[in-house]
Each structure stands twice: as structure tokens, then as C-alpha cells.
Amino acid sequence: MRENQVIELLAPAGCFASLQAAIDAGADAVYFGLSQLNMRSRARRSFDTDDLPELMKRCKAGGVKGYLTLNTILYDHDLRLTQRMIDQAVECGVDGVIVADMAAIQ
């Protein structure tokens, strides 16, 4: 590690309980996916786009950054949904987007 290098603790949040646990444990940032375009979308509980405002409200109140993950391969039929998710992320003050497929950036 270089001198004066700051390390950011980034924790996963798959539900509101794990989000709160990350905040309480001192994470600097959390990452989360939204249903459909997230590798954990079939998990027991997954966030959806309606949860995004509350997610970011809790992140900001807890002093942590919130990163949206779009970590699936995107197909042509996913691109409109991807654009809507990114637009909503901007509206809600998401700090960054982690993507796996360059189509999300393009």
C-alpha cells in the first residue's frame, strides 16, 4: 500500500437488513443490484427500482456511498430497462454504477 492511500470499505447490500448492517459496521460504501439486471436477482430478496429512493435515502443518512450494479450480460431487449434504471439512479443520487457489460456504458 502506498503512503497516504485511502482504502474504501465497499460492502454488498442485498436487502434493507444487510444495508443497515453495512452502515452500522462502518462501511464507506455499499453496492446493490436491482431486480432483473443483477446476478442475485433470484435471491430470496432482491431490491427493485421502487426501492431505489429509499436505498439512497438510507445511504445518505448513514454517510455511505451507494453504487448500483448492473452485472449481467445485456441483450438488446434489456437496453431500454438499463437506460431507465440508470436514469432513475441519477435522479436518486446514486454515487456510481458498476457495470459488467460495455453496452450499459454505450
PDB file of N, CA and C in Angstrom:
ATOM      1  N   MET A   1       0.843  -1.188   0.000  1.00  0.00           N
ATOM      2  CA  MET A   1       0.000   0.000   0.000  1.00  0.00           C
ATOM      3  C   MET A   1       0.880   1.240   0.000  1.00  0.00           C
ATOM      4  N   ARG A   2       0.504   2.184  -0.822  1.00  0.00           N
ATOM      5  CA  ARG A   2       1.252   3.430  -0.890  1.00  0.00           C
ATOM      6  C   ARG A   2       0.934   4.305   0.311  1.00  0.00           C
ATOM      7  N   GLU A   3       1.901   5.093   0.705  1.00  0.00           N
ATOM      8  CA  GLU A   3       1.709   6.016   1.815  1.00  0.00           C
ATOM      9  C   GLU A   3       0.582   6.991   1.473  1.00  0.00           C
ATOM     10  N   ASN A   4      -0.238   7.311   2.445  1.00  0.00           N
ATOM     11  CA  ASN A   4      -1.371   8.242   2.300  1.00  0.00           C
ATOM     12  C   ASN A   4      -2.484   7.715   1.404  1.00  0.00           C
ATOM     13  N   GLN A   5      -2.449   6.447   1.075  1.00  0.00           N
ATOM     14  CA  GLN A   5      -3.515   5.868   0.258  1.00  0.00           C
ATOM     15  C   GLN A   5      -4.724   5.593   1.143  1.00  0.00           C
ATOM     16  N   VAL A   6      -5.871   6.026   0.706  1.00  0.00           N
ATOM     17  CA  VAL A   6      -7.103   5.808   1.448  1.00  0.00           C
ATOM     18  C   VAL A   6      -7.794   4.580   0.872  1.00  0.00           C
ATOM     19  N   ILE A   7      -8.179   3.681   1.737  1.00  0.00           N
ATOM     20  CA  ILE A   7      -8.897   2.483   1.306  1.00  0.00           C
ATOM     21  C   ILE A   7     -10.363   2.662   1.647  1.00  0.00           C
ATOM     22  N   GLU A   8     -11.220   2.343   0.695  1.00  0.00           N
ATOM     23  CA  GLU A   8     -12.659   2.443   0.901  1.00  0.00           C
ATOM     24  C   GLU A   8     -13.216   1.045   1.135  1.00  0.00           C
ATOM     25  N   LEU A   9     -13.948   0.879   2.217  1.00  0.00           N
ATOM     26  CA  LEU A   9     -14.591  -0.401   2.503  1.00  0.00           C
ATOM     27  C   LEU A   9     -15.937  -0.433   1.788  1.00  0.00           C
ATOM     28  N   LEU A  10     -16.061  -1.328   0.806  1.00  0.00           N
ATOM     29  CA  LEU A  10     -17.253  -1.472  -0.029  1.00  0.00           C
ATOM     30  C   LEU A  10     -17.932  -2.786   0.332  1.00  0.00           C
ATOM     31  N   ALA A  11     -19.178  -2.712   0.777  1.00  0.00           N
ATOM     32  CA  ALA A  11     -19.897  -3.895   1.239  1.00  0.00           C
ATOM     33  C   ALA A  11     -21.124  -4.155   0.366  1.00  0.00           C
ATOM     34  N   PRO A  12     -21.481  -5.431   0.186  1.00  0.00           N
ATOM     35  CA  PRO A  12     -22.690  -5.746  -0.578  1.00  0.00           C
ATOM     36  C   PRO A  12     -23.944  -5.512   0.269  1.00  0.00           C
ATOM     37  N   ALA A  13     -25.022  -5.142  -0.394  1.00  0.00           N
ATOM     38  CA  ALA A  13     -26.310  -4.990   0.285  1.00  0.00           C
ATOM     39  C   ALA A  13     -27.373  -5.631  -0.599  1.00  0.00           C
ATOM     40  N   GLY A  14     -27.933  -6.719  -0.130  1.00  0.00           N
ATOM     41  CA  GLY A  14     -28.936  -7.422  -0.916  1.00  0.00           C
ATOM     42  C   GLY A  14     -30.345  -7.239  -0.396  1.00  0.00           C
ATOM     43  N   CYS A  15     -30.460  -6.615   0.768  1.00  0.00           N
ATOM     44  CA  CYS A  15     -31.767  -6.325   1.362  1.00  0.00           C
ATOM     45  C   CYS A  15     -31.558  -5.176   2.342  1.00  0.00           C
ATOM     46  N   PHE A  16     -32.649  -4.630   2.848  1.00  0.00           N
ATOM     47  CA  PHE A  16     -32.514  -3.491   3.746  1.00  0.00           C
ATOM     48  C   PHE A  16     -31.790  -3.859   5.047  1.00  0.00           C
ATOM     49  N   ALA A  17     -31.949  -5.094   5.503  1.00  0.00           N
ATOM     50  CA  ALA A  17     -31.245  -5.520   6.718  1.00  0.00           C
ATOM     51  C   ALA A  17     -29.737  -5.538   6.494  1.00  0.00           C
ATOM     52  N   SER A  18     -29.291  -6.056   5.338  1.00  0.00           N
ATOM     53  CA  SER A  18     -27.849  -6.081   5.085  1.00  0.00           C
ATOM     54  C   SER A  18     -27.310  -4.685   4.787  1.00  0.00           C
ATOM     55  N   LEU A  19     -28.129  -3.827   4.203  1.00  0.00           N
ATOM     56  CA  LEU A  19     -27.734  -2.433   4.013  1.00  0.00           C
ATOM     57  C   LEU A  19     -27.480  -1.784   5.364  1.00  0.00           C
ATOM     58  N   GLN A  20     -28.405  -1.961   6.282  1.00  0.00           N
ATOM     59  CA  GLN A  20     -28.248  -1.358   7.609  1.00  0.00           C
ATOM     60  C   GLN A  20     -27.052  -1.947   8.347  1.00  0.00           C
ATOM     61  N   ALA A  21     -26.833  -3.251   8.200  1.00  0.00           N
ATOM     62  CA  ALA A  21     -25.684  -3.888   8.845  1.00  0.00           C
ATOM     63  C   ALA A  21     -24.383  -3.290   8.311  1.00  0.00           C
ATOM     64  N   ALA A  22     -24.302  -3.053   7.012  1.00  0.00           N
ATOM     65  CA  ALA A  22     -23.096  -2.461   6.429  1.00  0.00           C
ATOM     66  C   ALA A  22     -22.874  -1.044   6.960  1.00  0.00           C
ATOM     67  N   ILE A  23     -23.948  -0.273   7.036  1.00  0.00           N
ATOM     68  CA  ILE A  23     -23.848   1.085   7.569  1.00  0.00           C
ATOM     69  C   ILE A  23     -23.396   1.041   9.025  1.00  0.00           C
ATOM     70  N   ASP A  24     -24.043   0.202   9.819  1.00  0.00           N
ATOM     71  CA  ASP A  24     -23.714   0.098  11.244  1.00  0.00           C
ATOM     72  C   ASP A  24     -22.288  -0.389  11.486  1.00  0.00           C
ATOM     73  N   ALA A  25     -21.775  -1.214  10.568  1.00  0.00           N
ATOM     74  CA  ALA A  25     -20.433  -1.779  10.727  1.00  0.00           C
ATOM     75  C   ALA A  25     -19.335  -0.832  10.235  1.00  0.00           C
ATOM     76  N   GLY A  26     -19.726   0.292   9.656  1.00  0.00           N
ATOM     77  CA  GLY A  26     -18.731   1.286   9.258  1.00  0.00           C
ATOM     78  C   GLY A  26     -18.281   1.237   7.818  1.00  0.00           C
ATOM     79  N   ALA A  27     -19.065   0.608   6.950  1.00  0.00           N
ATOM     80  CA  ALA A  27     -18.705   0.602   5.527  1.00  0.00           C
ATOM     81  C   ALA A  27     -18.669   2.036   5.000  1.00  0.00           C
ATOM     82  N   ASP A  28     -17.781   2.279   4.063  1.00  0.00           N
ATOM     83  CA  ASP A  28     -17.720   3.586   3.409  1.00  0.00           C
ATOM     84  C   ASP A  28     -18.711   3.663   2.259  1.00  0.00           C
ATOM     85  N   ALA A  29     -19.018   2.495   1.694  1.00  0.00           N
ATOM     86  CA  ALA A  29     -19.907   2.436   0.540  1.00  0.00           C
ATOM     87  C   ALA A  29     -20.549   1.058   0.483  1.00  0.00           C
ATOM     88  N   VAL A  30     -21.680   0.996  -0.211  1.00  0.00           N
ATOM     89  CA  VAL A  30     -22.348  -0.279  -0.443  1.00  0.00           C
ATOM     90  C   VAL A  30     -22.649  -0.399  -1.931  1.00  0.00           C
ATOM     91  N   TYR A  31     -22.767  -1.632  -2.373  1.00  0.00           N
ATOM     92  CA  TYR A  31     -23.217  -1.862  -3.740  1.00  0.00           C
ATOM     93  C   TYR A  31     -24.427  -2.766  -3.696  1.00  0.00           C
ATOM     94  N   PHE A  32     -25.328  -2.538  -4.631  1.00  0.00           N
ATOM     95  CA  PHE A  32     -26.583  -3.286  -4.667  1.00  0.00           C
ATOM     96  C   PHE A  32     -27.045  -3.387  -6.107  1.00  0.00           C
ATOM     97  N   GLY A  33     -27.796  -4.421  -6.369  1.00  0.00           N
ATOM     98  CA  GLY A  33     -28.394  -4.598  -7.682  1.00  0.00           C
ATOM     99  C   GLY A  33     -29.894  -4.423  -7.588  1.00  0.00           C
ATOM    100  N   LEU A  34     -30.490  -4.237  -8.723  1.00  0.00           N
ATOM    101  CA  LEU A  34     -31.940  -4.158  -8.818  1.00  0.00           C
ATOM    102  C   LEU A  34     -32.427  -5.376  -9.581  1.00  0.00           C
ATOM    103  N   SER A  35     -33.645  -5.769  -9.316  1.00  0.00           N
ATOM    104  CA  SER A  35     -34.179  -6.980  -9.953  1.00  0.00           C
ATOM    105  C   SER A  35     -33.997  -6.930 -11.467  1.00  0.00           C
ATOM    106  N   GLN A  36     -33.852  -8.056 -12.040  1.00  0.00           N
ATOM    107  CA  GLN A  36     -33.708  -8.326 -13.466  1.00  0.00           C
ATOM    108  C   GLN A  36     -32.276  -8.199 -13.978  1.00  0.00           C
ATOM    109  N   LEU A  37     -31.571  -7.113 -13.685  1.00  0.00           N
ATOM    110  CA  LEU A  37     -30.237  -6.928 -14.259  1.00  0.00           C
ATOM    111  C   LEU A  37     -29.157  -7.039 -13.194  1.00  0.00           C
ATOM    112  N   ASN A  38     -29.275  -8.046 -12.372  1.00  0.00           N
ATOM    113  CA  ASN A  38     -28.365  -8.220 -11.258  1.00  0.00           C
ATOM    114  C   ASN A  38     -28.181  -9.713 -11.033  1.00  0.00           C
ATOM    115  N   MET A  39     -26.956 -10.119 -10.809  1.00  0.00           N
ATOM    116  CA  MET A  39     -26.648 -11.544 -10.690  1.00  0.00           C
ATOM    117  C   MET A  39     -27.367 -12.219  -9.521  1.00  0.00           C
ATOM    118  N   ARG A  40     -27.831 -11.444  -8.555  1.00  0.00           N
ATOM    119  CA  ARG A  40     -28.521 -12.026  -7.409  1.00  0.00           C
ATOM    120  C   ARG A  40     -30.029 -11.776  -7.465  1.00  0.00           C
ATOM    121  N   SER A  41     -30.546 -11.490  -8.647  1.00  0.00           N
ATOM    122  CA  SER A  41     -31.970 -11.157  -8.769  1.00  0.00           C
ATOM    123  C   SER A  41     -32.888 -12.297  -8.355  1.00  0.00           C
ATOM    124  N   ARG A  42     -32.381 -13.513  -8.362  1.00  0.00           N
ATOM    125  CA  ARG A  42     -33.197 -14.649  -7.957  1.00  0.00           C
ATOM    126  C   ARG A  42     -32.981 -15.015  -6.488  1.00  0.00           C
ATOM    127  N   ALA A  43     -32.246 -14.176  -5.781  1.00  0.00           N
ATOM    128  CA  ALA A  43     -32.011 -14.422  -4.358  1.00  0.00           C
ATOM    129  C   ALA A  43     -33.336 -14.309  -3.600  1.00  0.00           C
ATOM    130  N   ARG A  44     -33.317 -14.737  -2.374  1.00  0.00           N
ATOM    131  CA  ARG A  44     -34.522 -14.723  -1.543  1.00  0.00           C
ATOM    132  C   ARG A  44     -35.203 -13.354  -1.569  1.00  0.00           C
ATOM    133  N   ARG A  45     -34.446 -12.311  -1.503  1.00  0.00           N
ATOM    134  CA  ARG A  45     -34.987 -10.953  -1.547  1.00  0.00           C
ATOM    135  C   ARG A  45     -34.063 -10.121  -2.410  1.00  0.00           C
ATOM    136  N   SER A  46     -34.601  -9.401  -3.323  1.00  0.00           N
ATOM    137  CA  SER A  46     -33.806  -8.547  -4.191  1.00  0.00           C
ATOM    138  C   SER A  46     -34.466  -7.181  -4.251  1.00  0.00           C
ATOM    139  N   PHE A  47     -33.674  -6.149  -4.343  1.00  0.00           N
ATOM    140  CA  PHE A  47     -34.226  -4.808  -4.496  1.00  0.00           C
ATOM    141  C   PHE A  47     -34.824  -4.664  -5.887  1.00  0.00           C
ATOM    142  N   ASP A  48     -35.804  -3.779  -6.005  1.00  0.00           N
ATOM    143  CA  ASP A  48     -36.294  -3.427  -7.330  1.00  0.00           C
ATOM    144  C   ASP A  48     -36.252  -1.917  -7.478  1.00  0.00           C
ATOM    145  N   THR A  49     -36.630  -1.413  -8.636  1.00  0.00           N
ATOM    146  CA  THR A  49     -36.485   0.017  -8.892  1.00  0.00           C
ATOM    147  C   THR A  49     -37.287   0.874  -7.922  1.00  0.00           C
ATOM    148  N   ASP A  50     -38.387   0.358  -7.412  1.00  0.00           N
ATOM    149  CA  ASP A  50     -39.176   1.120  -6.438  1.00  0.00           C
ATOM    150  C   ASP A  50     -38.434   1.324  -5.126  1.00  0.00           C
ATOM    151  N   ASP A  51     -37.441   0.489  -4.851  1.00  0.00           N
ATOM    152  CA  ASP A  51     -36.660   0.602  -3.620  1.00  0.00           C
ATOM    153  C   ASP A  51     -35.541   1.638  -3.712  1.00  0.00           C
ATOM    154  N   LEU A  52     -35.206   2.063  -4.912  1.00  0.00           N
ATOM    155  CA  LEU A  52     -34.047   2.925  -5.109  1.00  0.00           C
ATOM    156  C   LEU A  52     -34.086   4.233  -4.309  1.00  0.00           C
ATOM    157  N   PRO A  53     -35.202   4.967  -4.285  1.00  0.00           N
ATOM    158  CA  PRO A  53     -35.210   6.193  -3.472  1.00  0.00           C
ATOM    159  C   PRO A  53     -34.932   5.921  -1.984  1.00  0.00           C
ATOM    160  N   GLU A  54     -35.533   4.875  -1.436  1.00  0.00           N
ATOM    161  CA  GLU A  54     -35.306   4.547  -0.024  1.00  0.00           C
ATOM    162  C   GLU A  54     -33.873   4.071   0.212  1.00  0.00           C
ATOM    163  N   LEU A  55     -33.339   3.299  -0.712  1.00  0.00           N
ATOM    164  CA  LEU A  55     -31.943   2.849  -0.614  1.00  0.00           C
ATOM    165  C   LEU A  55     -31.007   4.045  -0.480  1.00  0.00           C
ATOM    166  N   MET A  56     -31.144   4.991  -1.387  1.00  0.00           N
ATOM    167  CA  MET A  56     -30.231   6.127  -1.376  1.00  0.00           C
ATOM    168  C   MET A  56     -30.495   7.057  -0.200  1.00  0.00           C
ATOM    169  N   LYS A  57     -31.734   7.159   0.231  1.00  0.00           N
ATOM    170  CA  LYS A  57     -32.044   7.951   1.422  1.00  0.00           C
ATOM    171  C   LYS A  57     -31.300   7.376   2.632  1.00  0.00           C
ATOM    172  N   ARG A  58     -31.347   6.058   2.783  1.00  0.00           N
ATOM    173  CA  ARG A  58     -30.664   5.405   3.904  1.00  0.00           C
ATOM    174  C   ARG A  58     -29.147   5.521   3.776  1.00  0.00           C
ATOM    175  N   CYS A  59     -28.640   5.394   2.558  1.00  0.00           N
ATOM    176  CA  CYS A  59     -27.192   5.547   2.356  1.00  0.00           C
ATOM    177  C   CYS A  59     -26.737   6.943   2.767  1.00  0.00           C
ATOM    178  N   LYS A  60     -27.424   7.954   2.267  1.00  0.00           N
ATOM    179  CA  LYS A  60     -27.041   9.333   2.577  1.00  0.00           C
ATOM    180  C   LYS A  60     -27.167   9.616   4.071  1.00  0.00           C
ATOM    181  N   ALA A  61     -28.245   9.123   4.688  1.00  0.00           N
ATOM    182  CA  ALA A  61     -28.423   9.323   6.134  1.00  0.00           C
ATOM    183  C   ALA A  61     -27.321   8.635   6.930  1.00  0.00           C
ATOM    184  N   GLY A  62     -26.838   7.504   6.416  1.00  0.00           N
ATOM    185  CA  GLY A  62     -25.786   6.758   7.095  1.00  0.00           C
ATOM    186  C   GLY A  62     -24.385   7.199   6.717  1.00  0.00           C
ATOM    187  N   GLY A  63     -24.276   8.164   5.803  1.00  0.00           N
ATOM    188  CA  GLY A  63     -22.966   8.668   5.409  1.00  0.00           C
ATOM    189  C   GLY A  63     -22.166   7.717   4.537  1.00  0.00           C
ATOM    190  N   VAL A  64     -22.854   6.855   3.789  1.00  0.00           N
ATOM    191  CA  VAL A  64     -22.154   5.925   2.894  1.00  0.00           C
ATOM    192  C   VAL A  64     -22.535   6.206   1.446  1.00  0.00           C
ATOM    193  N   LYS A  65     -21.629   5.871   0.555  1.00  0.00           N
ATOM    194  CA  LYS A  65     -21.910   5.979  -0.869  1.00  0.00           C
ATOM    195  C   LYS A  65     -22.712   4.758  -1.300  1.00  0.00           C
ATOM    196  N   GLY A  66     -23.525   4.928  -2.328  1.00  0.00           N
ATOM    197  CA  GLY A  66     -24.320   3.827  -2.859  1.00  0.00           C
ATOM    198  C   GLY A  66     -24.025   3.618  -4.332  1.00  0.00           C
ATOM    199  N   TYR A  67     -23.650   2.386  -4.676  1.00  0.00           N
ATOM    200  CA  TYR A  67     -23.314   2.048  -6.052  1.00  0.00           C
ATOM    201  C   TYR A  67     -24.301   1.012  -6.583  1.00  0.00           C
ATOM    202  N   LEU A  68     -24.877   1.298  -7.731  1.00  0.00           N
ATOM    203  CA  LEU A  68     -25.773   0.371  -8.414  1.00  0.00           C
ATOM    204  C   LEU A  68     -24.938  -0.574  -9.268  1.00  0.00           C
ATOM    205  N   THR A  69     -25.194  -1.872  -9.160  1.00  0.00           N
ATOM    206  CA  THR A  69     -24.508  -2.836 -10.025  1.00  0.00           C
ATOM    207  C   THR A  69     -25.456  -3.290 -11.130  1.00  0.00           C
ATOM    208  N   LEU A  70     -24.946  -3.253 -12.333  1.00  0.00           N
ATOM    209  CA  LEU A  70     -25.614  -3.834 -13.494  1.00  0.00           C
ATOM    210  C   LEU A  70     -24.644  -4.903 -13.981  1.00  0.00           C
ATOM    211  N   ASN A  71     -24.669  -6.043 -13.319  1.00  0.00           N
ATOM    212  CA  ASN A  71     -23.612  -7.030 -13.519  1.00  0.00           C
ATOM    213  C   ASN A  71     -24.068  -8.289 -14.245  1.00  0.00           C
ATOM    214  N   THR A  72     -24.886  -8.087 -15.252  1.00  0.00           N
ATOM    215  CA  THR A  72     -25.286  -9.202 -16.111  1.00  0.00           C
ATOM    216  C   THR A  72     -24.913  -8.864 -17.547  1.00  0.00           C
ATOM    217  N   ILE A  73     -24.909  -9.878 -18.383  1.00  0.00           N
ATOM    218  CA  ILE A  73     -24.752  -9.647 -19.820  1.00  0.00           C
ATOM    219  C   ILE A  73     -26.053  -9.015 -20.306  1.00  0.00           C
ATOM    220  N   LEU A  74     -25.938  -7.941 -21.046  1.00  0.00           N
ATOM    221  CA  LEU A  74     -27.119  -7.244 -21.538  1.00  0.00           C
ATOM    222  C   LEU A  74     -27.415  -7.667 -22.972  1.00  0.00           C
ATOM    223  N   TYR A  75     -28.667  -7.952 -23.214  1.00  0.00           N
ATOM    224  CA  TYR A  75     -29.135  -8.289 -24.555  1.00  0.00           C
ATOM    225  C   TYR A  75     -29.950  -7.115 -25.081  1.00  0.00           C
ATOM    226  N   ASP A  76     -30.209  -7.109 -26.366  1.00  0.00           N
ATOM    227  CA  ASP A  76     -30.935  -5.986 -26.965  1.00  0.00           C
ATOM    228  C   ASP A  76     -32.220  -5.661 -26.208  1.00  0.00           C
ATOM    229  N   HIS A  77     -32.947  -6.685 -25.793  1.00  0.00           N
ATOM    230  CA  HIS A  77     -34.219  -6.443 -25.101  1.00  0.00           C
ATOM    231  C   HIS A  77     -34.028  -5.855 -23.696  1.00  0.00           C
ATOM    232  N   ASP A  78     -32.795  -5.834 -23.175  1.00  0.00           N
ATOM    233  CA  ASP A  78     -32.512  -5.273 -21.849  1.00  0.00           C
ATOM    234  C   ASP A  78     -32.157  -3.789 -21.889  1.00  0.00           C
ATOM    235  N   LEU A  79     -31.873  -3.252 -23.058  1.00  0.00           N
ATOM    236  CA  LEU A  79     -31.287  -1.915 -23.141  1.00  0.00           C
ATOM    237  C   LEU A  79     -32.228  -0.814 -22.680  1.00  0.00           C
ATOM    238  N   ARG A  80     -33.498  -0.909 -22.981  1.00  0.00           N
ATOM    239  CA  ARG A  80     -34.450   0.120 -22.507  1.00  0.00           C
ATOM    240  C   ARG A  80     -34.545   0.106 -20.986  1.00  0.00           C
ATOM    241  N   LEU A  81     -34.632  -1.089 -20.417  1.00  0.00           N
ATOM    242  CA  LEU A  81     -34.686  -1.212 -18.962  1.00  0.00           C
ATOM    243  C   LEU A  81     -33.401  -0.681 -18.337  1.00  0.00           C
ATOM    244  N   THR A  82     -32.277  -0.989 -18.944  1.00  0.00           N
ATOM    245  CA  THR A  82     -30.991  -0.488 -18.451  1.00  0.00           C
ATOM    246  C   THR A  82     -30.992   1.030 -18.425  1.00  0.00           C
ATOM    247  N   GLN A  83     -31.449   1.642 -19.503  1.00  0.00           N
ATOM    248  CA  GLN A  83     -31.490   3.106 -19.573  1.00  0.00           C
ATOM    249  C   GLN A  83     -32.408   3.686 -18.504  1.00  0.00           C
ATOM    250  N   ARG A  84     -33.567   3.068 -18.297  1.00  0.00           N
ATOM    251  CA  ARG A  84     -34.487   3.548 -17.256  1.00  0.00           C
ATOM    252  C   ARG A  84     -33.858   3.434 -15.865  1.00  0.00           C
ATOM    253  N   MET A  85     -33.166   2.313 -15.616  1.00  0.00           N
ATOM    254  CA  MET A  85     -32.522   2.129 -14.316  1.00  0.00           C
ATOM    255  C   MET A  85     -31.429   3.169 -14.085  1.00  0.00           C
ATOM    256  N   ILE A  86     -30.634   3.427 -15.105  1.00  0.00           N
ATOM    257  CA  ILE A  86     -29.568   4.419 -14.958  1.00  0.00           C
ATOM    258  C   ILE A  86     -30.150   5.817 -14.777  1.00  0.00           C
ATOM    259  N   ASP A  87     -31.194   6.153 -15.530  1.00  0.00           N
ATOM    260  CA  ASP A  87     -31.850   7.453 -15.365  1.00  0.00           C
ATOM    261  C   ASP A  87     -32.395   7.611 -13.954  1.00  0.00           C
ATOM    262  N   GLN A  88     -33.033   6.571 -13.437  1.00  0.00           N
ATOM    263  CA  GLN A  88     -33.575   6.628 -12.084  1.00  0.00           C
ATOM    264  C   GLN A  88     -32.452   6.707 -11.054  1.00  0.00           C
ATOM    265  N   ALA A  89     -31.353   6.017 -11.311  1.00  0.00           N
ATOM    266  CA  ALA A  89     -30.205   6.077 -10.409  1.00  0.00           C
ATOM    267  C   ALA A  89     -29.677   7.507 -10.306  1.00  0.00           C
ATOM    268  N   VAL A  90     -29.600   8.191 -11.436  1.00  0.00           N
ATOM    269  CA  VAL A  90     -29.156   9.587 -11.438  1.00  0.00           C
ATOM    270  C   VAL A  90     -30.127  10.437 -10.633  1.00  0.00           C
ATOM    271  N   GLU A  91     -31.427  10.263 -10.870  1.00  0.00           N
ATOM    272  CA  GLU A  91     -32.458  11.013 -10.137  1.00  0.00           C
ATOM    273  C   GLU A  91     -32.349  10.829  -8.631  1.00  0.00           C
ATOM    274  N   CYS A  92     -32.010   9.616  -8.209  1.00  0.00           N
ATOM    275  CA  CYS A  92     -31.981   9.282  -6.780  1.00  0.00           C
ATOM    276  C   CYS A  92     -30.633   9.565  -6.128  1.00  0.00           C
ATOM    277  N   GLY A  93     -29.669  10.026  -6.908  1.00  0.00           N
ATOM    278  CA  GLY A  93     -28.385  10.397  -6.333  1.00  0.00           C
ATOM    279  C   GLY A  93     -27.415   9.248  -6.113  1.00  0.00           C
ATOM    280  N   VAL A  94     -27.547   8.181  -6.904  1.00  0.00           N
ATOM    281  CA  VAL A  94     -26.597   7.072  -6.811  1.00  0.00           C
ATOM    282  C   VAL A  94     -25.199   7.620  -7.099  1.00  0.00           C
ATOM    283  N   ASP A  95     -24.220   7.157  -6.335  1.00  0.00           N
ATOM    284  CA  ASP A  95     -22.863   7.677  -6.449  1.00  0.00           C
ATOM    285  C   ASP A  95     -22.086   7.100  -7.625  1.00  0.00           C
ATOM    286  N   GLY A  96     -22.480   5.940  -8.103  1.00  0.00           N
ATOM    287  CA  GLY A  96     -21.792   5.331  -9.232  1.00  0.00           C
ATOM    288  C   GLY A  96     -22.514   4.089  -9.682  1.00  0.00           C
ATOM    289  N   VAL A  97     -22.154   3.619 -10.860  1.00  0.00           N
ATOM    290  CA  VAL A  97     -22.740   2.403 -11.411  1.00  0.00           C
ATOM    291  C   VAL A  97     -21.589   1.470 -11.759  1.00  0.00           C
ATOM    292  N   ILE A  98     -21.696   0.237 -11.303  1.00  0.00           N
ATOM    293  CA  ILE A  98     -20.712  -0.799 -11.614  1.00  0.00           C
ATOM    294  C   ILE A  98     -21.321  -1.667 -12.704  1.00  0.00           C
ATOM    295  N   VAL A  99     -20.669  -1.719 -13.853  1.00  0.00           N
ATOM    296  CA  VAL A  99     -21.228  -2.470 -14.970  1.00  0.00           C
ATOM    297  C   VAL A  99     -20.313  -3.626 -15.362  1.00  0.00           C
ATOM    298  N   ALA A 100     -20.924  -4.667 -15.905  1.00  0.00           N
ATOM    299  CA  ALA A 100     -20.183  -5.824 -16.388  1.00  0.00           C
ATOM    300  C   ALA A 100     -20.153  -5.855 -17.908  1.00  0.00           C
ATOM    301  N   ASP A 101     -21.082  -5.178 -18.528  1.00  0.00           N
ATOM    302  CA  ASP A 101     -21.217  -5.224 -19.979  1.00  0.00           C
ATOM    303  C   ASP A 101     -21.077  -3.803 -20.524  1.00  0.00           C
ATOM    304  N   MET A 102     -20.193  -3.613 -21.468  1.00  0.00           N
ATOM    305  CA  MET A 102     -19.960  -2.280 -22.039  1.00  0.00           C
ATOM    306  C   MET A 102     -21.216  -1.687 -22.680  1.00  0.00           C
ATOM    307  N   ALA A 103     -22.198  -2.490 -23.007  1.00  0.00           N
ATOM    308  CA  ALA A 103     -23.443  -1.967 -23.576  1.00  0.00           C
ATOM    309  C   ALA A 103     -24.108  -0.983 -22.608  1.00  0.00           C
ATOM    310  N   ALA A 104     -23.929  -1.190 -21.321  1.00  0.00           N
ATOM    311  CA  ALA A 104     -24.517  -0.268 -20.338  1.00  0.00           C
ATOM    312  C   ALA A 104     -23.867   1.117 -20.428  1.00  0.00           C
ATOM    313  N   ILE A 105     -22.607   1.148 -20.774  1.00  0.00           N
ATOM    314  CA  ILE A 105     -21.900   2.422 -20.890  1.00  0.00           C
ATOM    315  C   ILE A 105     -22.228   3.096 -22.219  1.00  0.00           C
ATOM    316  N   GLN A 106     -22.306   2.284 -23.249  1.00  0.00           N
ATOM    317  CA  GLN A 106     -22.595   2.846 -24.575  1.00  0.00           C
ATOM    318  C   GLN A 106     -23.997   3.381 -24.621  1.00  0.00           C
TER     319      GLN A 106
END
